[in-house]
């Protein structure tokens, strides 16, 4: 079917830990390390569980990830890995001076909830301290408890900001607040290895309690933990203890194990991931009415890229190569096509955001679970294969496609993962 579109638990191995860069906001994200090898057994072998689980397959030969004769899983060069820069949003919150940043951090601490998490606030929230009575979260759970979240970069961004201010000021209150945020992230992880959107749980049946890859939520937590283990600025020095870094590594190992078990199998072959997965069965799950169970062209990119930052065990490499094969398949690509949002001032409901563009490749955000065909939906929840068949409110109020796989494929090519 063609889519219609209108043209126009391991202890951290010392060899993996990098020496921390200096304090301040000049992190090493733009210059990721080139790893050699590690004896860390990051992730356990994939076990069966639900129809989306898959058995481990042997890794492909060649490339720079083949295991060494000593049983060590190799590490890929990280130059060009799309995960670098994912934690940099906090830098836009930094002011013109340390004093200004300390004021913002002091306000931020008052907004931090007892469990250590934050709501998805924008930076203006921290222009003033919490007044002591208004809600600190837009969501509540059982007994009216206010919920923290990792949605929209929340908690991760605050932790990075607090860490940065601590490195430059040396004041322990900022380190303590960063510790509380870390405890929130570690506590909210499911025993199966995934992270939900919120913690504590929302009451009733809600997508917020599913394991959430949507908008990079779980991947970003894993990236933060990985950066902290390697003591990348501003997460180095004495910000965290060796014991905390060991717990982070255990959390990463469980997270990788979840990812491997949740990888969607189509016609006997591993593919990619959904935006949400069941924390127990690993099955793909939907979220809002227009976010149906699917193979996600957007969310799977960061999941794949994170796996490529980890020791390339046979299981991890097999998962990565399968995801890359999916992204490279011409069946899922729309060649010479781009997703171009309608301008904010336009009310043209005949505008099609899927446009012809020479040299550009488009991947859809959602694909059928059983076939590589992109689809769309509006708040009716009815699946459509022509974007012009959904309501304008969702047609222009959501991101339905992008060049999601381009940077990932360039990076994969650079490390010989063909």
Protein backbone atom coordinates (compact mmCIF):
# COMPACT_ATOMS: atom_id res chain seq x y z
CA UNK A 1 0.00 0.00 0.00
CA UNK A 2 1.37 3.40 -0.91
CA UNK A 3 0.71 6.45 1.18
CA UNK A 4 -1.03 9.31 -0.49
CA UNK A 5 0.51 12.73 -0.26
CA UNK A 6 0.21 15.90 -2.18
CA UNK A 7 3.35 17.25 -3.79
CA UNK A 8 4.32 21.09 -3.28
CA UNK A 9 23.62 -4.68 37.60
CA UNK A 10 27.34 -4.54 36.87
CA UNK A 11 29.76 -2.24 38.69
CA UNK A 12 31.15 0.43 36.48
CA UNK A 13 34.32 -0.64 34.78
CA UNK A 14 37.06 1.86 35.32
CA UNK A 15 38.17 1.75 31.70
CA UNK A 16 34.79 3.07 30.61
CA UNK A 17 34.78 6.03 32.97
CA UNK A 18 36.28 9.15 31.55
CA UNK A 19 38.00 11.79 33.58
CA UNK A 20 35.62 14.61 34.31
CA UNK A 21 35.95 17.80 32.36
CA UNK A 22 36.14 21.07 34.23
CA UNK A 23 33.08 22.58 35.86
CA UNK A 24 30.75 25.03 34.26
CA UNK A 25 28.46 24.65 31.30
CA UNK A 26 31.03 23.81 28.68
CA UNK A 27 30.18 20.12 28.49
CA UNK A 28 31.76 17.54 26.22
CA UNK A 29 28.58 16.86 24.27
CA UNK A 30 29.95 18.37 21.09
CA UNK A 31 33.06 16.22 21.32
CA UNK A 32 31.92 12.75 22.34
CA UNK A 33 34.58 10.23 23.34
CA UNK A 34 35.88 7.55 21.03
CA UNK A 35 35.58 4.37 23.05
CA UNK A 36 37.74 1.30 22.65
CA UNK A 37 36.32 -1.66 24.53
CA UNK A 38 34.68 -2.57 27.80
CA UNK A 39 34.25 -5.73 29.80
CA UNK A 40 30.95 -4.50 31.16
CA UNK A 41 28.13 -6.85 30.28
CA UNK A 42 25.65 -4.11 29.61
CA UNK A 43 22.26 -5.79 29.33
CA UNK A 44 21.25 -9.32 29.88
CA UNK A 45 20.19 -11.54 27.03
CA UNK A 46 16.70 -11.01 25.74
CA UNK A 47 14.04 -13.24 27.20
CA UNK A 48 10.68 -14.17 25.81
CA UNK A 49 7.71 -12.14 26.90
CA UNK A 50 4.78 -11.06 24.75
CA UNK A 51 4.57 -11.05 21.00
CA UNK A 52 6.97 -8.14 20.72
CA UNK A 53 9.84 -9.97 22.35
CA UNK A 54 12.47 -11.69 20.31
CA UNK A 55 15.14 -14.27 20.78
CA UNK A 56 18.75 -13.19 20.59
CA UNK A 57 20.49 -13.63 17.31
CA UNK A 58 24.19 -13.69 16.69
CA UNK A 59 25.81 -10.43 15.73
CA UNK A 60 26.75 -9.69 12.19
CA UNK A 61 30.37 -10.01 11.24
CA UNK A 62 32.50 -7.04 10.41
CA UNK A 63 32.23 -3.48 11.63
CA UNK A 64 33.92 -2.05 14.68
CA UNK A 65 31.74 -3.73 17.28
CA UNK A 66 32.78 -7.36 17.14
CA UNK A 67 33.61 -8.75 20.57
CA UNK A 68 37.24 -9.21 21.46
CA UNK A 69 38.79 -12.62 22.00
CA UNK A 70 38.88 -11.93 25.71
CA UNK A 71 35.10 -11.82 25.90
CA UNK A 72 34.91 -8.05 26.12
CA UNK A 73 32.15 -6.24 24.26
CA UNK A 74 33.58 -3.51 22.07
CA UNK A 75 32.52 0.11 22.25
CA UNK A 76 31.79 2.09 19.11
CA UNK A 77 33.34 5.46 18.43
CA UNK A 78 30.85 8.03 19.65
CA UNK A 79 31.77 10.72 17.15
CA UNK A 80 28.52 11.63 15.42
CA UNK A 81 26.21 9.65 17.70
CA UNK A 82 22.88 11.53 17.78
CA UNK A 83 22.57 11.15 21.56
CA UNK A 84 25.17 13.88 22.13
CA UNK A 85 23.46 17.20 22.67
CA UNK A 86 20.25 15.61 23.99
CA UNK A 87 20.99 16.90 27.49
CA UNK A 88 21.86 20.45 26.45
CA UNK A 89 18.42 22.02 26.86
CA UNK A 90 19.36 23.24 30.32
CA UNK A 91 21.96 25.56 28.80
CA UNK A 92 19.23 27.82 27.44
CA UNK A 93 18.17 28.37 31.06
CA UNK A 94 21.58 29.70 32.08
CA UNK A 95 21.81 33.44 32.62
CA UNK A 96 24.51 36.01 32.20
CA UNK A 97 26.22 35.31 35.52
CA UNK A 98 26.70 32.71 38.22
CA UNK A 99 24.74 34.90 40.61
CA UNK A 100 21.71 34.89 38.27
CA UNK A 101 21.96 31.14 37.86
CA UNK A 102 22.15 30.62 41.61
CA UNK A 103 18.98 32.66 42.06
CA UNK A 104 17.22 30.50 39.50
CA UNK A 105 18.58 27.32 41.09
CA UNK A 106 17.43 28.51 44.55
CA UNK A 107 13.94 29.06 43.14
CA UNK A 108 14.08 25.71 41.37
CA UNK A 109 14.78 23.86 44.61
CA UNK A 110 11.59 25.25 46.14
CA UNK A 111 9.62 23.75 43.24
CA UNK A 112 11.21 20.32 43.68
CA UNK A 113 8.72 17.88 45.16
CA UNK A 114 9.40 15.63 48.14
CA UNK A 115 10.10 12.63 45.91
CA UNK A 116 12.79 14.61 44.10
CA UNK A 117 11.02 15.06 40.78
CA UNK A 118 9.75 18.08 38.90
CA UNK A 119 6.76 18.80 36.71
CA UNK A 120 7.27 19.82 33.07
CA UNK A 121 7.90 23.47 33.82
CA UNK A 122 9.40 26.02 31.50
CA UNK A 123 12.23 28.22 32.69
CA UNK A 124 9.91 31.10 33.61
CA UNK A 125 8.51 28.97 36.45
CA UNK A 126 11.85 29.40 38.18
CA UNK A 127 11.84 33.19 37.93
CA UNK A 128 10.23 33.12 41.37
CA UNK A 129 10.19 30.67 44.28
CA UNK A 130 7.21 28.42 44.97
CA UNK A 131 4.69 30.27 47.12
CA UNK A 132 4.16 27.30 49.41
CA UNK A 133 0.53 26.68 48.50
CA UNK A 134 -0.04 26.47 44.75
CA UNK A 135 0.22 23.16 42.91
CA UNK A 136 3.77 22.19 41.95
CA UNK A 137 2.52 19.63 39.42
CA UNK A 138 -0.31 19.49 36.93
CA UNK A 139 -0.85 15.81 37.72
CA UNK A 140 -1.82 14.01 40.90
CA UNK A 141 -1.91 10.35 41.91
CA UNK A 142 -3.53 8.36 44.69
CA UNK A 143 -4.25 10.45 47.76
CA UNK A 144 -3.63 13.65 45.81
CA UNK A 145 0.16 13.16 45.70
CA UNK A 146 1.77 15.46 43.17
CA UNK A 147 3.54 13.63 40.37
CA UNK A 148 6.95 14.26 38.93
CA UNK A 149 7.68 13.45 35.31
CA UNK A 150 10.32 12.89 32.65
CA UNK A 151 7.97 14.19 29.94
CA UNK A 152 9.20 17.20 27.96
CA UNK A 153 12.74 16.83 29.39
CA UNK A 154 11.43 17.42 32.90
CA UNK A 155 13.59 16.49 35.91
CA UNK A 156 16.51 15.68 33.58
CA UNK A 157 16.82 19.37 32.63
CA UNK A 158 16.57 20.51 36.25
CA UNK A 159 19.18 17.98 37.35
CA UNK A 160 21.59 19.19 34.67
CA UNK A 161 21.01 22.83 35.63
CA UNK A 162 21.57 22.15 39.33
CA UNK A 163 24.72 20.16 38.53
CA UNK A 164 26.08 23.02 36.44
CA UNK A 165 25.46 25.55 39.19
CA UNK A 166 27.04 23.25 41.77
CA UNK A 167 30.18 22.81 39.69
CA UNK A 168 30.65 26.57 39.45
CA UNK A 169 29.58 27.55 42.96
CA UNK A 170 30.63 24.58 45.09
CA UNK A 171 27.55 25.05 47.27
CA UNK A 172 26.33 21.69 48.54
CA UNK A 173 22.63 22.60 48.44
CA UNK A 174 22.71 22.32 44.65
CA UNK A 175 24.43 18.94 44.79
CA UNK A 176 21.86 17.77 47.34
CA UNK A 177 19.01 18.80 45.04
CA UNK A 178 20.68 17.01 42.13
CA UNK A 179 20.96 13.90 44.33
CA UNK A 180 17.24 14.11 45.09
CA UNK A 181 16.46 14.32 41.38
CA UNK A 182 18.69 11.32 40.72
CA UNK A 183 16.90 9.33 43.43
CA UNK A 184 13.59 10.18 41.76
CA UNK A 185 14.87 8.85 38.43
CA UNK A 186 16.25 5.65 39.94
CA UNK A 187 13.16 5.03 42.07
CA UNK A 188 10.66 5.44 39.25
CA UNK A 189 12.27 2.73 37.10
CA UNK A 190 10.14 -0.40 36.84
CA UNK A 191 11.60 -3.72 37.92
CA UNK A 192 11.33 -4.80 34.28
CA UNK A 193 13.74 -1.99 33.38
CA UNK A 194 11.54 0.66 31.77
CA UNK A 195 10.68 4.18 32.89
CA UNK A 196 7.09 5.44 32.99
CA UNK A 197 6.18 8.99 32.09
CA UNK A 198 5.32 9.91 35.69
CA UNK A 199 6.01 8.90 39.28
CA UNK A 200 4.23 7.96 41.47
CA UNK A 201 1.67 6.29 39.23
CA UNK A 202 -1.39 8.09 37.96
CA UNK A 203 -4.63 6.49 39.05
CA UNK A 204 -6.73 4.42 36.66
CA UNK A 205 -5.74 3.08 33.27
CA UNK A 206 -3.56 5.71 31.68
CA UNK A 207 -0.75 5.78 29.16
CA UNK A 208 1.37 7.77 31.64
CA UNK A 209 2.08 4.53 33.48
CA UNK A 210 3.38 2.77 30.38
CA UNK A 211 7.08 2.63 29.69
CA UNK A 212 7.58 5.83 27.71
CA UNK A 213 9.92 6.24 24.75
CA UNK A 214 7.69 9.05 23.48
CA UNK A 215 9.63 12.26 22.78
CA UNK A 216 12.82 10.57 23.97
CA UNK A 217 11.71 10.36 27.62
CA UNK A 218 13.29 7.04 28.68
CA UNK A 219 16.23 7.37 26.31
CA UNK A 220 17.09 10.76 27.77
CA UNK A 221 17.16 9.34 31.30
CA UNK A 222 19.49 6.58 30.14
CA UNK A 223 21.73 9.10 28.39
CA UNK A 224 21.93 11.17 31.58
CA UNK A 225 22.86 8.15 33.69
CA UNK A 226 25.46 7.11 31.14
CA UNK A 227 26.98 10.60 31.05
CA UNK A 228 27.07 10.68 34.86
CA UNK A 229 28.90 7.35 34.99
CA UNK A 230 31.49 8.71 32.59
CA UNK A 231 31.57 11.97 34.56
CA UNK A 232 30.91 14.17 31.58
CA UNK A 233 30.54 17.85 32.44
CA UNK A 234 28.64 19.02 34.42
CA UNK A 235 28.12 15.56 35.96
CA UNK A 236 31.70 14.94 37.06
CA UNK A 237 33.86 15.59 40.07
CA UNK A 238 32.25 14.89 43.42
CA UNK A 239 28.69 15.49 42.20
CA UNK A 240 27.89 11.79 42.59
CA UNK A 241 29.52 9.04 44.62
CA UNK A 242 30.95 5.75 43.37
CA UNK A 243 28.00 3.99 45.01
CA UNK A 244 25.54 6.15 43.11
CA UNK A 245 27.36 5.54 39.84
CA UNK A 246 27.23 1.79 40.47
CA UNK A 247 23.45 2.07 40.95
CA UNK A 248 23.23 4.06 37.74
CA UNK A 249 25.03 1.29 35.88
CA UNK A 250 22.63 -1.29 37.28
CA UNK A 251 19.72 0.88 36.13
CA UNK A 252 21.21 1.18 32.64
CA UNK A 253 21.68 -2.59 32.41
CA UNK A 254 18.02 -3.13 33.32
CA UNK A 255 16.96 -0.43 30.87
CA UNK A 256 18.90 -2.01 28.02
CA UNK A 257 17.39 -5.40 28.88
CA UNK A 258 13.91 -3.88 28.63
CA UNK A 259 14.70 -2.32 25.27
CA UNK A 260 15.89 -5.64 23.88
CA UNK A 261 12.76 -7.44 25.05
CA UNK A 262 10.42 -4.74 23.75
CA UNK A 263 11.82 -4.61 20.20
CA UNK A 264 8.91 -5.27 17.86
CA UNK A 265 9.07 -8.38 15.69
CA UNK A 266 7.38 -8.31 12.28
CA UNK A 267 7.25 -11.44 10.15
CA UNK A 268 9.95 -13.03 12.29
CA UNK A 269 12.35 -10.08 12.05
CA UNK A 270 13.22 -7.51 14.69
CA UNK A 271 12.30 -3.96 13.72
CA UNK A 272 12.02 -0.93 16.02
CA UNK A 273 9.93 0.24 18.99
CA UNK A 274 6.61 1.85 19.82
CA UNK A 275 6.34 5.18 21.65
CA UNK A 276 4.95 3.33 24.68
CA UNK A 277 5.28 -0.27 25.88
CA UNK A 278 3.60 -2.32 28.56
CA UNK A 279 5.94 -2.55 31.59
CA UNK A 280 5.10 -6.21 32.17
CA UNK A 281 4.39 -7.79 28.78
CA UNK A 282 6.64 -5.45 26.73
CA UNK A 283 3.82 -5.10 24.17
CA UNK A 284 3.39 -1.88 22.15
CA UNK A 285 0.75 0.42 23.64
CA UNK A 286 -1.07 3.50 22.46
CA UNK A 287 -1.33 6.82 24.28
CA UNK A 288 -3.66 9.65 23.29
CA UNK A 289 -6.49 8.90 20.86
CA UNK A 290 -4.35 9.79 17.86
CA UNK A 291 -1.25 7.97 19.16
CA UNK A 292 -2.10 4.39 18.26
CA UNK A 293 0.10 1.34 18.84
CA UNK A 294 2.72 1.45 16.12
CA UNK A 295 6.30 1.17 15.07
CA UNK A 296 7.64 4.64 15.72
CA UNK A 297 9.95 6.23 13.18
CA UNK A 298 10.70 9.13 15.51
CA UNK A 299 11.11 7.59 18.95
CA UNK A 300 13.07 4.55 17.78
CA UNK A 301 15.92 6.71 16.48
CA UNK A 302 17.10 7.80 19.92
CA UNK A 303 16.60 4.31 21.36
CA UNK A 304 18.82 2.87 18.63
CA UNK A 305 21.43 5.59 19.05
CA UNK A 306 21.56 4.97 22.80
CA UNK A 307 22.14 1.26 22.25
CA UNK A 308 25.06 2.23 20.02
CA UNK A 309 26.64 4.06 22.98
CA UNK A 310 26.70 0.86 25.03
CA UNK A 311 28.97 -2.21 24.98
CA UNK A 312 28.13 -4.04 21.78
CA UNK A 313 27.25 -7.45 23.14
CA UNK A 314 25.84 -9.91 20.64
CA UNK A 315 22.31 -9.11 21.81
CA UNK A 316 22.77 -5.34 21.63
CA UNK A 317 24.47 -5.46 18.25
CA UNK A 318 21.73 -7.69 16.83
CA UNK A 319 19.08 -5.26 18.04
CA UNK A 320 20.94 -2.26 16.61
CA UNK A 321 21.56 -3.85 13.23
CA UNK A 322 17.92 -4.91 12.97
CA UNK A 323 16.73 -1.37 13.73
CA UNK A 324 19.19 0.09 11.23
CA UNK A 325 18.01 -2.36 8.58
CA UNK A 326 14.47 -1.14 9.20
CA UNK A 327 15.47 2.53 8.86
CA UNK A 328 17.44 1.79 5.70
CA UNK A 329 14.61 -0.11 4.06
CA UNK A 330 13.21 1.79 1.07
CA UNK A 331 9.80 0.47 2.07
CA UNK A 332 9.67 2.73 5.14
CA UNK A 333 11.34 5.71 3.46
CA UNK A 334 9.69 8.36 1.34
CA UNK A 335 12.49 9.46 -0.98
CA UNK A 336 12.70 13.07 -2.15
CA UNK A 337 10.09 14.00 0.41
CA UNK A 338 10.06 16.28 3.46
CA UNK A 339 7.70 17.14 6.28
CA UNK A 340 7.11 20.91 6.18
CA UNK A 341 4.90 22.36 8.88
CA UNK A 342 2.25 24.86 7.95
CA UNK A 343 3.30 28.37 8.93
CA UNK A 344 1.89 29.48 12.27
CA UNK A 345 -0.07 32.33 10.76
CA UNK A 346 -1.74 30.25 8.05
CA UNK A 347 -5.33 28.99 8.14
CA UNK A 348 -5.08 27.11 4.83
CA UNK A 349 -6.70 23.75 5.57
CA UNK A 350 -5.80 22.48 2.11
CA UNK A 351 -2.11 22.65 2.93
CA UNK A 352 -0.37 19.28 2.93
CA UNK A 353 2.73 19.16 5.16
CA UNK A 354 4.11 16.16 3.24
CA UNK A 355 5.97 17.84 0.41
CA UNK A 356 8.17 16.86 -2.48
CA UNK A 357 11.79 17.87 -1.84
CA UNK A 358 14.68 16.61 -3.88
CA UNK A 359 17.39 14.87 -1.88
CA UNK A 360 15.39 14.70 1.34
CA UNK A 361 14.14 11.48 2.94
CA UNK A 362 11.07 11.29 5.14
CA UNK A 363 10.14 8.69 7.73
CA UNK A 364 6.65 8.70 9.17
CA UNK A 365 6.16 8.99 12.90
CA UNK A 366 3.88 5.95 13.05
CA UNK A 367 3.83 2.72 11.04
CA UNK A 368 1.48 -0.24 11.24
CA UNK A 369 2.68 -2.95 13.59
CA UNK A 370 2.24 -5.67 10.97
CA UNK A 371 3.38 -3.82 7.86
CA UNK A 372 5.70 -0.96 7.02
CA UNK A 373 3.02 1.53 6.09
CA UNK A 374 2.79 4.93 7.72
CA UNK A 375 -0.50 6.17 9.10
CA UNK A 376 -2.18 9.14 10.74
CA UNK A 377 -5.10 9.67 13.14
CA UNK A 378 -7.05 12.45 14.80
CA UNK A 379 -8.94 12.53 18.07
CA UNK A 380 -11.52 10.12 16.67
CA UNK A 381 -8.87 7.41 16.91
CA UNK A 382 -9.60 6.26 13.36
CA UNK A 383 -6.48 5.27 11.44
CA UNK A 384 -5.99 6.96 8.08
CA UNK A 385 -3.35 6.47 5.39
CA UNK A 386 -3.78 9.93 3.84
CA UNK A 387 -2.90 12.85 6.10
CA UNK A 388 -5.56 14.99 4.42
CA UNK A 389 -8.21 12.62 5.79
CA UNK A 390 -7.67 13.62 9.41
CA UNK A 391 -9.05 16.75 11.05
CA UNK A 392 -7.07 19.96 10.50
CA UNK A 393 -6.72 20.34 14.28
CA UNK A 394 -4.46 17.28 14.44
CA UNK A 395 -3.14 17.55 10.90
CA UNK A 396 -1.38 20.79 11.78
CA UNK A 397 -1.14 20.39 15.55
CA UNK A 398 1.14 17.37 15.63
CA UNK A 399 4.38 16.19 14.07
CA UNK A 400 3.62 13.34 11.65
CA UNK A 401 6.96 12.90 9.96
CA UNK A 402 10.56 14.01 9.69
CA UNK A 403 14.02 13.07 8.51
CA UNK A 404 14.34 10.93 11.62
CA UNK A 405 16.69 8.30 10.30
CA UNK A 406 19.16 10.47 8.39
CA UNK A 407 21.57 11.36 11.21
CA UNK A 408 21.35 7.85 12.64
CA UNK A 409 22.27 6.27 9.31
CA UNK A 410 25.16 8.69 8.81
CA UNK A 411 26.51 7.74 12.21
CA UNK A 412 26.01 4.02 11.57
CA UNK A 413 27.88 4.31 8.29
CA UNK A 414 30.76 6.05 10.06
CA UNK A 415 31.24 3.09 12.43
CA UNK A 416 30.85 0.50 9.66
CA UNK A 417 27.39 -0.67 10.73
CA UNK A 418 26.21 -1.23 7.19
